[in-house]
């Protein structure tokens, strides 16, 4: 198998990342209602793991360089075009996808354990929090608030972004819809 993304992998990634971006937009409607309540207690980070799925989900399926960053970024771009987040969604996608890409690159796209996927989700959350801290004004909140919210974001990123992405991809592979990708070739 080639190390570069094939045309079919690129098309799959683009179509599915577009669908994920639309799902993120729909989720942002729910987030807009619940987040202010949780933000009062620095717990809004618990809701953000869903946005960390893009990089892990696509990298876990395709297992090639660029799949994490491209998947997260395309989904974020689509969400930004149709949601209230605008350009900041694209910046978030880049900041969330890059640490995931670097982790999988460091493991040469060969370590797909639960722990590694959870770590990828946590790193995505950490990367995304940089945007939250500076772009959305969280730098004006107390250190205690930011530590609690960042911790919640990392936990949510590890569980929803990392472990749920892995679980969902494994279910799709078991159903036979991912037979042409490395996820199935490696099992």
C-alpha atoms as a PDB file:
ATOM      1  CA  UNK A   1       0.000   0.000   0.000  1.00  0.00           C
ATOM      2  CA  UNK A   2       1.121   3.517  -0.792  1.00  0.00           C
ATOM      3  CA  UNK A   3       1.980   5.994   1.960  1.00  0.00           C
ATOM      4  CA  UNK A   4       0.117   8.781   0.180  1.00  0.00           C
ATOM      5  CA  UNK A   5      -3.632   9.218   0.195  1.00  0.00           C
ATOM      6  CA  UNK A   6      -5.241   7.582  -2.823  1.00  0.00           C
ATOM      7  CA  UNK A   7      -8.038   9.195  -4.777  1.00  0.00           C
ATOM      8  CA  UNK A   8     -10.672   6.950  -3.162  1.00  0.00           C
ATOM      9  CA  UNK A   9      -9.315   7.717   0.321  1.00  0.00           C
ATOM     10  CA  UNK A  10      -9.341  11.436  -0.421  1.00  0.00           C
ATOM     11  CA  UNK A  11     -12.907  11.307  -1.737  1.00  0.00           C
ATOM     12  CA  UNK A  12     -14.066   9.247   1.271  1.00  0.00           C
ATOM     13  CA  UNK A  13     -12.347  11.616   3.674  1.00  0.00           C
ATOM     14  CA  UNK A  14     -13.767  14.717   1.993  1.00  0.00           C
ATOM     15  CA  UNK A  15     -17.338  13.424   1.817  1.00  0.00           C
ATOM     16  CA  UNK A  16     -17.341  12.061   5.363  1.00  0.00           C
ATOM     17  CA  UNK A  17     -15.591  15.142   6.789  1.00  0.00           C
ATOM     18  CA  UNK A  18     -18.230  17.296   5.108  1.00  0.00           C
ATOM     19  CA  UNK A  19     -20.936  15.203   6.770  1.00  0.00           C
ATOM     20  CA  UNK A  20     -19.088  15.504  10.073  1.00  0.00           C
ATOM     21  CA  UNK A  21     -18.937  19.287   9.666  1.00  0.00           C
ATOM     22  CA  UNK A  22     -22.709  19.375   9.187  1.00  0.00           C
ATOM     23  CA  UNK A  23     -23.120  17.178  12.283  1.00  0.00           C
ATOM     24  CA  UNK A  24     -20.886  19.570  14.220  1.00  0.00           C
ATOM     25  CA  UNK A  25     -23.073  22.484  13.114  1.00  0.00           C
ATOM     26  CA  UNK A  26     -26.170  20.656  14.396  1.00  0.00           C
ATOM     27  CA  UNK A  27     -24.343  19.860  17.633  1.00  0.00           C
ATOM     28  CA  UNK A  28     -23.388  23.525  18.021  1.00  0.00           C
ATOM     29  CA  UNK A  29     -27.099  24.365  18.293  1.00  0.00           C
ATOM     30  CA  UNK A  30     -27.365  22.045  21.319  1.00  0.00           C
ATOM     31  CA  UNK A  31     -24.040  23.340  22.641  1.00  0.00           C
ATOM     32  CA  UNK A  32     -25.284  26.934  22.452  1.00  0.00           C
ATOM     33  CA  UNK A  33     -28.137  26.089  24.811  1.00  0.00           C
ATOM     34  CA  UNK A  34     -26.303  23.922  27.356  1.00  0.00           C
ATOM     35  CA  UNK A  35     -22.836  25.499  27.361  1.00  0.00           C
ATOM     36  CA  UNK A  36     -23.708  28.737  29.209  1.00  0.00           C
ATOM     37  CA  UNK A  37     -25.091  26.724  32.108  1.00  0.00           C
ATOM     38  CA  UNK A  38     -21.977  24.575  32.376  1.00  0.00           C
ATOM     39  CA  UNK A  39     -19.615  27.489  31.728  1.00  0.00           C
ATOM     40  CA  UNK A  40     -20.777  29.032  34.998  1.00  0.00           C
ATOM     41  CA  UNK A  41     -19.045  26.138  36.775  1.00  0.00           C
ATOM     42  CA  UNK A  42     -16.108  25.877  34.300  1.00  0.00           C
ATOM     43  CA  UNK A  43     -17.568  22.599  33.000  1.00  0.00           C
ATOM     44  CA  UNK A  44     -18.409  23.526  29.396  1.00  0.00           C
ATOM     45  CA  UNK A  45     -15.314  21.606  28.289  1.00  0.00           C
ATOM     46  CA  UNK A  46     -17.231  18.399  29.003  1.00  0.00           C
ATOM     47  CA  UNK A  47     -19.286  19.081  25.857  1.00  0.00           C
ATOM     48  CA  UNK A  48     -16.386  19.677  23.491  1.00  0.00           C
ATOM     49  CA  UNK A  49     -15.120  16.145  22.858  1.00  0.00           C
ATOM     50  CA  UNK A  50     -17.458  15.714  19.905  1.00  0.00           C
ATOM     51  CA  UNK A  51     -15.437  18.370  18.042  1.00  0.00           C
ATOM     52  CA  UNK A  52     -12.238  16.365  18.564  1.00  0.00           C
ATOM     53  CA  UNK A  53     -13.456  13.336  16.629  1.00  0.00           C
ATOM     54  CA  UNK A  54     -12.429  14.422  13.126  1.00  0.00           C
ATOM     55  CA  UNK A  55      -8.709  13.872  13.295  1.00  0.00           C
ATOM     56  CA  UNK A  56      -8.863  10.598  15.170  1.00  0.00           C
ATOM     57  CA  UNK A  57     -11.769   9.086  13.240  1.00  0.00           C
ATOM     58  CA  UNK A  58     -10.221   9.582   9.807  1.00  0.00           C
ATOM     59  CA  UNK A  59      -6.672   8.702  10.826  1.00  0.00           C
ATOM     60  CA  UNK A  60      -7.913   5.530  12.530  1.00  0.00           C
ATOM     61  CA  UNK A  61      -9.680   4.415   9.345  1.00  0.00           C
ATOM     62  CA  UNK A  62      -7.156   5.492   6.695  1.00  0.00           C
ATOM     63  CA  UNK A  63      -3.908   5.244   8.715  1.00  0.00           C
ATOM     64  CA  UNK A  64      -1.839   7.442   6.449  1.00  0.00           C
ATOM     65  CA  UNK A  65      -0.040  10.771   6.839  1.00  0.00           C
ATOM     66  CA  UNK A  66      -2.301  13.776   6.455  1.00  0.00           C
ATOM     67  CA  UNK A  67      -5.567  11.990   7.202  1.00  0.00           C
ATOM     68  CA  UNK A  68      -5.952  13.394  10.728  1.00  0.00           C
ATOM     69  CA  UNK A  69      -5.166  16.994   9.856  1.00  0.00           C
ATOM     70  CA  UNK A  70      -7.129  16.930   6.604  1.00  0.00           C
ATOM     71  CA  UNK A  71     -10.198  15.276   8.155  1.00  0.00           C
ATOM     72  CA  UNK A  72     -10.352  17.622  11.131  1.00  0.00           C
ATOM     73  CA  UNK A  73      -9.711  20.689   8.979  1.00  0.00           C
ATOM     74  CA  UNK A  74     -12.294  19.899   6.287  1.00  0.00           C
ATOM     75  CA  UNK A  75     -14.953  19.170   8.905  1.00  0.00           C
ATOM     76  CA  UNK A  76     -14.090  22.408  10.714  1.00  0.00           C
ATOM     77  CA  UNK A  77     -14.170  24.395   7.475  1.00  0.00           C
ATOM     78  CA  UNK A  78     -17.637  23.079   6.625  1.00  0.00           C
ATOM     79  CA  UNK A  79     -18.886  23.781  10.135  1.00  0.00           C
ATOM     80  CA  UNK A  80     -17.432  27.285  10.021  1.00  0.00           C
ATOM     81  CA  UNK A  81     -19.201  28.062   6.761  1.00  0.00           C
ATOM     82  CA  UNK A  82     -22.641  27.164   8.126  1.00  0.00           C
ATOM     83  CA  UNK A  83     -22.399  27.992  11.825  1.00  0.00           C
ATOM     84  CA  UNK A  84     -21.887  30.962  14.091  1.00  0.00           C
ATOM     85  CA  UNK A  85     -18.213  29.996  14.548  1.00  0.00           C
ATOM     86  CA  UNK A  86     -17.044  31.246  11.131  1.00  0.00           C
ATOM     87  CA  UNK A  87     -13.292  31.444  10.516  1.00  0.00           C
ATOM     88  CA  UNK A  88     -12.488  30.471  14.104  1.00  0.00           C
ATOM     89  CA  UNK A  89     -13.770  26.959  13.364  1.00  0.00           C
ATOM     90  CA  UNK A  90     -11.072  26.528  10.720  1.00  0.00           C
ATOM     91  CA  UNK A  91      -8.390  27.775  13.114  1.00  0.00           C
ATOM     92  CA  UNK A  92      -9.734  25.383  15.770  1.00  0.00           C
ATOM     93  CA  UNK A  93      -9.683  22.508  13.287  1.00  0.00           C
ATOM     94  CA  UNK A  94      -6.044  23.139  12.463  1.00  0.00           C
ATOM     95  CA  UNK A  95      -5.095  23.436  16.141  1.00  0.00           C
ATOM     96  CA  UNK A  96      -7.034  20.271  17.013  1.00  0.00           C
ATOM     97  CA  UNK A  97      -5.881  18.209  14.036  1.00  0.00           C
ATOM     98  CA  UNK A  98      -2.171  19.022  14.145  1.00  0.00           C
ATOM     99  CA  UNK A  99      -1.362  17.400  17.524  1.00  0.00           C
ATOM    100  CA  UNK A 100      -3.300  14.282  16.481  1.00  0.00           C
ATOM    101  CA  UNK A 101      -1.377  14.101  13.215  1.00  0.00           C
ATOM    102  CA  UNK A 102       1.924  14.520  15.061  1.00  0.00           C
ATOM    103  CA  UNK A 103       1.086  11.763  17.554  1.00  0.00           C
ATOM    104  CA  UNK A 104       0.192   9.278  14.841  1.00  0.00           C
ATOM    105  CA  UNK A 105       3.249  10.336  12.837  1.00  0.00           C
ATOM    106  CA  UNK A 106       5.413   9.659  15.903  1.00  0.00           C
ATOM    107  CA  UNK A 107       3.984   6.123  16.038  1.00  0.00           C
ATOM    108  CA  UNK A 108       4.415   5.778  12.246  1.00  0.00           C
ATOM    109  CA  UNK A 109       0.650   5.241  11.927  1.00  0.00           C
ATOM    110  CA  UNK A 110       0.980   1.800  13.539  1.00  0.00           C
ATOM    111  CA  UNK A 111      -0.282   2.191  17.137  1.00  0.00           C
ATOM    112  CA  UNK A 112      -4.088   2.212  17.315  1.00  0.00           C
ATOM    113  CA  UNK A 113      -4.687   1.105  20.897  1.00  0.00           C
ATOM    114  CA  UNK A 114      -7.394   2.584  23.085  1.00  0.00           C
ATOM    115  CA  UNK A 115      -4.736   4.407  25.068  1.00  0.00           C
ATOM    116  CA  UNK A 116      -3.181   5.984  21.981  1.00  0.00           C
ATOM    117  CA  UNK A 117      -6.568   7.055  20.609  1.00  0.00           C
ATOM    118  CA  UNK A 118      -7.541   8.524  23.997  1.00  0.00           C
ATOM    119  CA  UNK A 119      -4.202  10.344  24.087  1.00  0.00           C
ATOM    120  CA  UNK A 120      -4.902  11.682  20.589  1.00  0.00           C
ATOM    121  CA  UNK A 121      -8.270  12.994  21.797  1.00  0.00           C
ATOM    122  CA  UNK A 122      -6.626  14.621  24.804  1.00  0.00           C
ATOM    123  CA  UNK A 123      -3.984  16.256  22.598  1.00  0.00           C
ATOM    124  CA  UNK A 124      -6.681  17.483  20.225  1.00  0.00           C
ATOM    125  CA  UNK A 125      -8.453  19.058  23.194  1.00  0.00           C
ATOM    126  CA  UNK A 126      -5.240  20.695  24.329  1.00  0.00           C
ATOM    127  CA  UNK A 127      -4.641  22.103  20.843  1.00  0.00           C
ATOM    128  CA  UNK A 128      -8.219  23.327  20.626  1.00  0.00           C
ATOM    129  CA  UNK A 129      -7.998  24.991  24.012  1.00  0.00           C
ATOM    130  CA  UNK A 130      -5.295  27.295  22.695  1.00  0.00           C
ATOM    131  CA  UNK A 131      -7.933  28.790  20.397  1.00  0.00           C
ATOM    132  CA  UNK A 132     -10.517  28.883  23.187  1.00  0.00           C
ATOM    133  CA  UNK A 133      -8.074  30.605  25.517  1.00  0.00           C
ATOM    134  CA  UNK A 134      -6.979  33.338  23.130  1.00  0.00           C
ATOM    135  CA  UNK A 135      -9.762  33.706  20.531  1.00  0.00           C
ATOM    136  CA  UNK A 136     -12.764  33.375  22.830  1.00  0.00           C
ATOM    137  CA  UNK A 137     -11.329  35.387  25.704  1.00  0.00           C
ATOM    138  CA  UNK A 138     -10.811  32.622  28.240  1.00  0.00           C
ATOM    139  CA  UNK A 139      -7.505  34.302  29.073  1.00  0.00           C
ATOM    140  CA  UNK A 140      -9.575  36.805  31.065  1.00  0.00           C
ATOM    141  CA  UNK A 141     -10.908  34.044  33.324  1.00  0.00           C
ATOM    142  CA  UNK A 142      -9.116  32.867  36.442  1.00  0.00           C
ATOM    143  CA  UNK A 143      -6.386  30.252  36.393  1.00  0.00           C
ATOM    144  CA  UNK A 144      -8.631  27.954  38.437  1.00  0.00           C
ATOM    145  CA  UNK A 145     -11.473  28.300  35.910  1.00  0.00           C
ATOM    146  CA  UNK A 146      -9.134  27.533  33.006  1.00  0.00           C
ATOM    147  CA  UNK A 147      -7.557  24.530  34.715  1.00  0.00           C
ATOM    148  CA  UNK A 148     -10.962  23.015  35.481  1.00  0.00           C
ATOM    149  CA  UNK A 149     -12.337  23.733  32.013  1.00  0.00           C
ATOM    150  CA  UNK A 150      -9.181  22.479  30.279  1.00  0.00           C
ATOM    151  CA  UNK A 151      -9.291  19.292  32.373  1.00  0.00           C
ATOM    152  CA  UNK A 152     -12.929  18.754  31.395  1.00  0.00           C
ATOM    153  CA  UNK A 153     -12.033  19.384  27.763  1.00  0.00           C
ATOM    154  CA  UNK A 154      -9.163  16.870  27.888  1.00  0.00           C
ATOM    155  CA  UNK A 155     -11.384  14.224  29.508  1.00  0.00           C
ATOM    156  CA  UNK A 156     -14.122  14.822  26.943  1.00  0.00           C
ATOM    157  CA  UNK A 157     -11.564  14.806  24.123  1.00  0.00           C
ATOM    158  CA  UNK A 158     -10.120  11.501  25.301  1.00  0.00           C
ATOM    159  CA  UNK A 159     -13.525   9.831  25.686  1.00  0.00           C
ATOM    160  CA  UNK A 160     -15.605  11.280  22.842  1.00  0.00           C
ATOM    161  CA  UNK A 161     -12.850  12.356  20.493  1.00  0.00           C
ATOM    162  CA  UNK A 162     -10.553   9.393  21.015  1.00  0.00           C
ATOM    163  CA  UNK A 163     -12.421   6.371  22.301  1.00  0.00           C
ATOM    164  CA  UNK A 164     -15.775   7.025  20.642  1.00  0.00           C
ATOM    165  CA  UNK A 165     -14.102   7.684  17.269  1.00  0.00           C
ATOM    166  CA  UNK A 166     -12.279   4.370  17.603  1.00  0.00           C
ATOM    167  CA  UNK A 167     -15.465   2.570  18.620  1.00  0.00           C
ATOM    168  CA  UNK A 168     -17.488   4.062  15.761  1.00  0.00           C
ATOM    169  CA  UNK A 169     -14.823   3.241  13.163  1.00  0.00           C
ATOM    170  CA  UNK A 170     -14.578  -0.339  14.473  1.00  0.00           C
ATOM    171  CA  UNK A 171     -18.375  -0.746  14.180  1.00  0.00           C
ATOM    172  CA  UNK A 172     -18.288   0.533  10.599  1.00  0.00           C
ATOM    173  CA  UNK A 173     -15.400  -1.807   9.781  1.00  0.00           C
ATOM    174  CA  UNK A 174     -17.232  -4.753  11.298  1.00  0.00           C
ATOM    175  CA  UNK A 175     -20.274  -3.889   9.167  1.00  0.00           C
ATOM    176  CA  UNK A 176     -18.047  -4.177   6.101  1.00  0.00           C
ATOM    177  CA  UNK A 177     -18.322  -0.607   4.841  1.00  0.00           C
ATOM    178  CA  UNK A 178     -14.612   0.154   5.298  1.00  0.00           C
ATOM    179  CA  UNK A 179     -13.142  -2.913   3.608  1.00  0.00           C
ATOM    180  CA  UNK A 180     -11.005  -0.858   1.211  1.00  0.00           C
ATOM    181  CA  UNK A 181      -9.181   0.976   4.022  1.00  0.00           C
ATOM    182  CA  UNK A 182      -6.240   0.062   6.219  1.00  0.00           C
ATOM    183  CA  UNK A 183      -8.453  -0.316   9.275  1.00  0.00           C
ATOM    184  CA  UNK A 184      -9.656  -3.611   7.777  1.00  0.00           C
ATOM    185  CA  UNK A 185      -6.316  -4.629   6.279  1.00  0.00           C
ATOM    186  CA  UNK A 186      -4.625  -4.268   9.685  1.00  0.00           C
ATOM    187  CA  UNK A 187      -7.139  -6.445  11.551  1.00  0.00           C
END
